[in-house]
Amino acid sequence: MSIQQACLDEIHKLWLEAKENSRPYSVWIAGHGAVSKDCEHPDTPVCHAWLMDRDGIVKRSASDYARFMTVQSGVHWNSLRFPVLPSAIFNDRSSGTHSIGLASFAPVRESELIYLEFIWGGKFGRGAHYKFDEERQIVLCVENVWIS
């Protein structure tokens, strides 16, 4: 198994472990280029993308993910003269959970660490450093970077 697959498995596990009212209906997952150790959200290019829901994880193009994020930002058609309209998918449920969650992972430059984060909603997210356990073919959390 690859590190990439181990990261996807971890994100899927975290999603399944969330209480049903705290779990997004689906999740965009982005695989980023290498990030610095002090990174709190990957800011490097998206190299790979997947969409996860109750039917599994499906590979999508990085441009599909970029298009989704661009549309959700609203800045390309909002003149900013008026307040930005709230997103229809972020914090749109009474529990504060997103309808579509976000997750991403990236190797950490000059280390064996992997940065992995998930954001299920305003109060449901975490960014952490992981290590790949070759023997067990899984990623293991070694430290939290942030928790919402």
C-alpha atoms as a PDB file:
ATOM      1  CA  MET A   1       0.000   0.000   0.000  1.00  0.00           C
ATOM      2  CA  SER A   2       1.171   3.517  -0.714  1.00  0.00           C
ATOM      3  CA  ILE A   3       1.362   6.457   1.672  1.00  0.00           C
ATOM      4  CA  GLN A   4      -1.316   8.096  -0.463  1.00  0.00           C
ATOM      5  CA  GLN A   5      -3.696   5.156   0.045  1.00  0.00           C
ATOM      6  CA  ALA A   6      -2.918   5.099   3.784  1.00  0.00           C
ATOM      7  CA  CYS A   7      -3.874   8.799   3.986  1.00  0.00           C
ATOM      8  CA  LEU A   8      -7.127   8.170   2.111  1.00  0.00           C
ATOM      9  CA  ASP A   9      -7.894   5.265   4.459  1.00  0.00           C
ATOM     10  CA  GLU A  10      -7.237   7.476   7.513  1.00  0.00           C
ATOM     11  CA  ILE A  11      -9.532  10.223   6.218  1.00  0.00           C
ATOM     12  CA  HIS A  12     -12.234   7.645   5.495  1.00  0.00           C
ATOM     13  CA  LYS A  13     -11.821   6.189   9.004  1.00  0.00           C
ATOM     14  CA  LEU A  14     -12.052   9.655  10.612  1.00  0.00           C
ATOM     15  CA  TRP A  15     -15.188  10.384   8.590  1.00  0.00           C
ATOM     16  CA  LEU A  16     -16.829   7.102   9.623  1.00  0.00           C
ATOM     17  CA  GLU A  17     -15.903   7.714  13.294  1.00  0.00           C
ATOM     18  CA  ALA A  18     -17.685  11.093  13.345  1.00  0.00           C
ATOM     19  CA  LYS A  19     -21.190  11.119  14.782  1.00  0.00           C
ATOM     20  CA  GLU A  20     -23.744  11.075  12.012  1.00  0.00           C
ATOM     21  CA  ASN A  21     -24.953  14.635  12.699  1.00  0.00           C
ATOM     22  CA  SER A  22     -21.286  15.798  12.641  1.00  0.00           C
ATOM     23  CA  ARG A  23     -20.396  14.003   9.390  1.00  0.00           C
ATOM     24  CA  PRO A  24     -20.589  15.793   6.025  1.00  0.00           C
ATOM     25  CA  TYR A  25     -22.595  14.029   3.329  1.00  0.00           C
ATOM     26  CA  SER A  26     -19.521  14.014   1.103  1.00  0.00           C
ATOM     27  CA  VAL A  27     -15.893  15.169   1.311  1.00  0.00           C
ATOM     28  CA  TRP A  28     -13.461  16.638  -1.203  1.00  0.00           C
ATOM     29  CA  ILE A  29      -9.957  15.300  -0.547  1.00  0.00           C
ATOM     30  CA  ALA A  30      -6.891  17.068  -1.946  1.00  0.00           C
ATOM     31  CA  GLY A  31      -3.390  15.639  -2.193  1.00  0.00           C
ATOM     32  CA  HIS A  32      -0.949  18.565  -2.140  1.00  0.00           C
ATOM     33  CA  GLY A  33       2.707  19.042  -3.001  1.00  0.00           C
ATOM     34  CA  ALA A  34       5.208  19.147  -0.118  1.00  0.00           C
ATOM     35  CA  VAL A  35       4.598  21.726   2.640  1.00  0.00           C
ATOM     36  CA  SER A  36       6.749  23.262   5.376  1.00  0.00           C
ATOM     37  CA  LYS A  37       6.637  21.819   8.898  1.00  0.00           C
ATOM     38  CA  ASP A  38       4.913  24.928  10.285  1.00  0.00           C
ATOM     39  CA  CYS A  39       2.078  24.694   7.732  1.00  0.00           C
ATOM     40  CA  GLU A  40      -1.433  24.983   9.172  1.00  0.00           C
ATOM     41  CA  HIS A  41      -3.266  24.535   5.859  1.00  0.00           C
ATOM     42  CA  PRO A  42      -1.620  23.294   2.663  1.00  0.00           C
ATOM     43  CA  ASP A  43      -0.907  26.164   0.295  1.00  0.00           C
ATOM     44  CA  THR A  44       0.950  24.153  -2.335  1.00  0.00           C
ATOM     45  CA  PRO A  45      -0.596  23.005  -5.623  1.00  0.00           C
ATOM     46  CA  VAL A  46      -3.170  20.218  -5.555  1.00  0.00           C
ATOM     47  CA  CYS A  47      -1.670  17.233  -7.363  1.00  0.00           C
ATOM     48  CA  HIS A  48      -4.493  14.727  -6.828  1.00  0.00           C
ATOM     49  CA  ALA A  49      -8.149  14.889  -5.795  1.00  0.00           C
ATOM     50  CA  TRP A  50     -10.882  12.520  -4.697  1.00  0.00           C
ATOM     51  CA  LEU A  51     -14.537  12.788  -3.737  1.00  0.00           C
ATOM     52  CA  MET A  52     -15.698  10.604  -0.842  1.00  0.00           C
ATOM     53  CA  ASP A  53     -19.246   9.723   0.172  1.00  0.00           C
ATOM     54  CA  ARG A  54     -21.139   6.725   1.539  1.00  0.00           C
ATOM     55  CA  ASP A  55     -20.434   4.831  -1.680  1.00  0.00           C
ATOM     56  CA  GLY A  56     -16.645   5.142  -1.319  1.00  0.00           C
ATOM     57  CA  ILE A  57     -13.790   7.267  -2.625  1.00  0.00           C
ATOM     58  CA  VAL A  58     -13.640   8.188  -6.313  1.00  0.00           C
ATOM     59  CA  LYS A  59     -10.564   9.718  -7.981  1.00  0.00           C
ATOM     60  CA  ARG A  60     -11.261  13.084  -9.578  1.00  0.00           C
ATOM     61  CA  SER A  61      -9.026  15.504 -11.438  1.00  0.00           C
ATOM     62  CA  ALA A  62      -7.172  18.228  -9.559  1.00  0.00           C
ATOM     63  CA  SER A  63      -8.942  20.752 -11.798  1.00  0.00           C
ATOM     64  CA  ASP A  64     -12.352  19.439 -10.609  1.00  0.00           C
ATOM     65  CA  TYR A  65     -11.269  20.199  -7.039  1.00  0.00           C
ATOM     66  CA  ALA A  66      -9.892  23.633  -8.006  1.00  0.00           C
ATOM     67  CA  ARG A  67     -13.152  24.434  -9.817  1.00  0.00           C
ATOM     68  CA  PHE A  68     -15.191  23.461  -6.731  1.00  0.00           C
ATOM     69  CA  MET A  69     -13.062  25.647  -4.451  1.00  0.00           C
ATOM     70  CA  THR A  70     -13.191  28.576  -6.905  1.00  0.00           C
ATOM     71  CA  VAL A  71     -16.979  28.431  -7.199  1.00  0.00           C
ATOM     72  CA  GLN A  72     -17.400  28.193  -3.417  1.00  0.00           C
ATOM     73  CA  SER A  73     -15.153  31.214  -2.792  1.00  0.00           C
ATOM     74  CA  GLY A  74     -17.665  33.500  -4.538  1.00  0.00           C
ATOM     75  CA  VAL A  75     -15.029  36.175  -5.152  1.00  0.00           C
ATOM     76  CA  HIS A  76     -15.069  35.884  -8.937  1.00  0.00           C
ATOM     77  CA  TRP A  77     -18.599  37.170  -9.386  1.00  0.00           C
ATOM     78  CA  ASN A  78     -19.282  39.113  -6.168  1.00  0.00           C
ATOM     79  CA  SER A  79     -18.425  42.819  -6.505  1.00  0.00           C
ATOM     80  CA  LEU A  80     -17.693  42.949  -2.739  1.00  0.00           C
ATOM     81  CA  ARG A  81     -19.811  46.108  -2.556  1.00  0.00           C
ATOM     82  CA  PHE A  82     -22.346  44.036  -0.698  1.00  0.00           C
ATOM     83  CA  PRO A  83     -21.660  41.420   1.959  1.00  0.00           C
ATOM     84  CA  VAL A  84     -20.478  38.131   0.521  1.00  0.00           C
ATOM     85  CA  LEU A  85     -23.343  35.686   0.448  1.00  0.00           C
ATOM     86  CA  PRO A  86     -22.949  32.715   2.770  1.00  0.00           C
ATOM     87  CA  SER A  87     -21.933  29.495   1.073  1.00  0.00           C
ATOM     88  CA  ALA A  88     -24.733  27.036   0.503  1.00  0.00           C
ATOM     89  CA  ILE A  89     -22.582  24.117   1.675  1.00  0.00           C
ATOM     90  CA  PHE A  90     -20.439  25.429   4.528  1.00  0.00           C
ATOM     91  CA  ASN A  91     -22.049  25.536   7.993  1.00  0.00           C
ATOM     92  CA  ASP A  92     -25.448  25.137   6.397  1.00  0.00           C
ATOM     93  CA  ARG A  93     -26.725  22.494   8.838  1.00  0.00           C
ATOM     94  CA  SER A  94     -28.071  23.233  12.305  1.00  0.00           C
ATOM     95  CA  SER A  95     -25.248  21.146  13.832  1.00  0.00           C
ATOM     96  CA  GLY A  96     -22.630  23.461  12.273  1.00  0.00           C
ATOM     97  CA  THR A  97     -21.500  20.655   9.989  1.00  0.00           C
ATOM     98  CA  HIS A  98     -20.753  21.263   6.314  1.00  0.00           C
ATOM     99  CA  SER A  99     -22.781  19.406   3.697  1.00  0.00           C
ATOM    100  CA  ILE A 100     -19.498  18.910   1.847  1.00  0.00           C
ATOM    101  CA  GLY A 101     -16.412  18.525   4.013  1.00  0.00           C
ATOM    102  CA  LEU A 102     -12.807  19.197   3.117  1.00  0.00           C
ATOM    103  CA  ALA A 103      -9.727  17.083   3.778  1.00  0.00           C
ATOM    104  CA  SER A 104      -6.177  17.256   2.525  1.00  0.00           C
ATOM    105  CA  PHE A 105      -2.752  15.785   3.017  1.00  0.00           C
ATOM    106  CA  ALA A 106       0.807  16.575   1.956  1.00  0.00           C
ATOM    107  CA  PRO A 107       4.324  15.368   2.666  1.00  0.00           C
ATOM    108  CA  VAL A 108       6.272  17.649   5.004  1.00  0.00           C
ATOM    109  CA  ARG A 109       9.527  18.888   3.444  1.00  0.00           C
ATOM    110  CA  GLU A 110      12.804  17.494   4.822  1.00  0.00           C
ATOM    111  CA  SER A 111      11.083  15.032   7.159  1.00  0.00           C
ATOM    112  CA  GLU A 112       9.235  11.734   7.258  1.00  0.00           C
ATOM    113  CA  LEU A 113       6.074  13.510   8.397  1.00  0.00           C
ATOM    114  CA  ILE A 114       2.798  13.874   6.544  1.00  0.00           C
ATOM    115  CA  TYR A 115       0.462  16.781   7.226  1.00  0.00           C
ATOM    116  CA  LEU A 116      -3.194  15.660   7.193  1.00  0.00           C
ATOM    117  CA  GLU A 117      -6.267  17.728   7.972  1.00  0.00           C
ATOM    118  CA  PHE A 118     -10.020  17.415   7.869  1.00  0.00           C
ATOM    119  CA  ILE A 119     -12.744  20.021   8.255  1.00  0.00           C
ATOM    120  CA  TRP A 120     -16.214  18.596   8.739  1.00  0.00           C
ATOM    121  CA  GLY A 121     -17.606  21.919  10.007  1.00  0.00           C
ATOM    122  CA  GLY A 122     -16.815  24.959  12.120  1.00  0.00           C
ATOM    123  CA  LYS A 123     -16.307  22.929  15.301  1.00  0.00           C
ATOM    124  CA  PHE A 124     -15.288  19.677  13.678  1.00  0.00           C
ATOM    125  CA  GLY A 125     -11.765  19.744  12.294  1.00  0.00           C
ATOM    126  CA  ARG A 126      -8.143  18.915  12.985  1.00  0.00           C
ATOM    127  CA  GLY A 127      -4.757  19.308  11.349  1.00  0.00           C
ATOM    128  CA  ALA A 128      -2.008  16.924  12.440  1.00  0.00           C
ATOM    129  CA  HIS A 129       1.360  15.431  11.628  1.00  0.00           C
ATOM    130  CA  TYR A 130       1.395  11.731  10.835  1.00  0.00           C
ATOM    131  CA  LYS A 131       4.038   9.103  10.121  1.00  0.00           C
ATOM    132  CA  PHE A 132       3.671   6.161   7.779  1.00  0.00           C
ATOM    133  CA  ASP A 133       4.066   2.784   9.502  1.00  0.00           C
ATOM    134  CA  GLU A 134       5.465   0.579   6.731  1.00  0.00           C
ATOM    135  CA  GLU A 135       4.942  -2.651   8.647  1.00  0.00           C
ATOM    136  CA  ARG A 136       1.240  -2.025   9.279  1.00  0.00           C
ATOM    137  CA  GLN A 137       0.702   0.045   6.108  1.00  0.00           C
ATOM    138  CA  ILE A 138      -1.152   2.811   7.962  1.00  0.00           C
ATOM    139  CA  VAL A 139      -0.512   6.407   8.978  1.00  0.00           C
ATOM    140  CA  LEU A 140      -0.270   7.184  12.691  1.00  0.00           C
ATOM    141  CA  CYS A 141      -0.890  10.586  14.263  1.00  0.00           C
ATOM    142  CA  VAL A 142       2.196  11.881  16.096  1.00  0.00           C
ATOM    143  CA  GLU A 143       1.032  15.428  17.008  1.00  0.00           C
ATOM    144  CA  ASN A 144      -1.875  17.757  16.501  1.00  0.00           C
ATOM    145  CA  VAL A 145      -1.124  21.061  14.804  1.00  0.00           C
ATOM    146  CA  TRP A 146      -4.587  22.566  15.366  1.00  0.00           C
ATOM    147  CA  ILE A 147      -8.036  21.484  16.543  1.00  0.00           C
ATOM    148  CA  SER A 148     -11.312  23.354  15.998  1.00  0.00           C
END
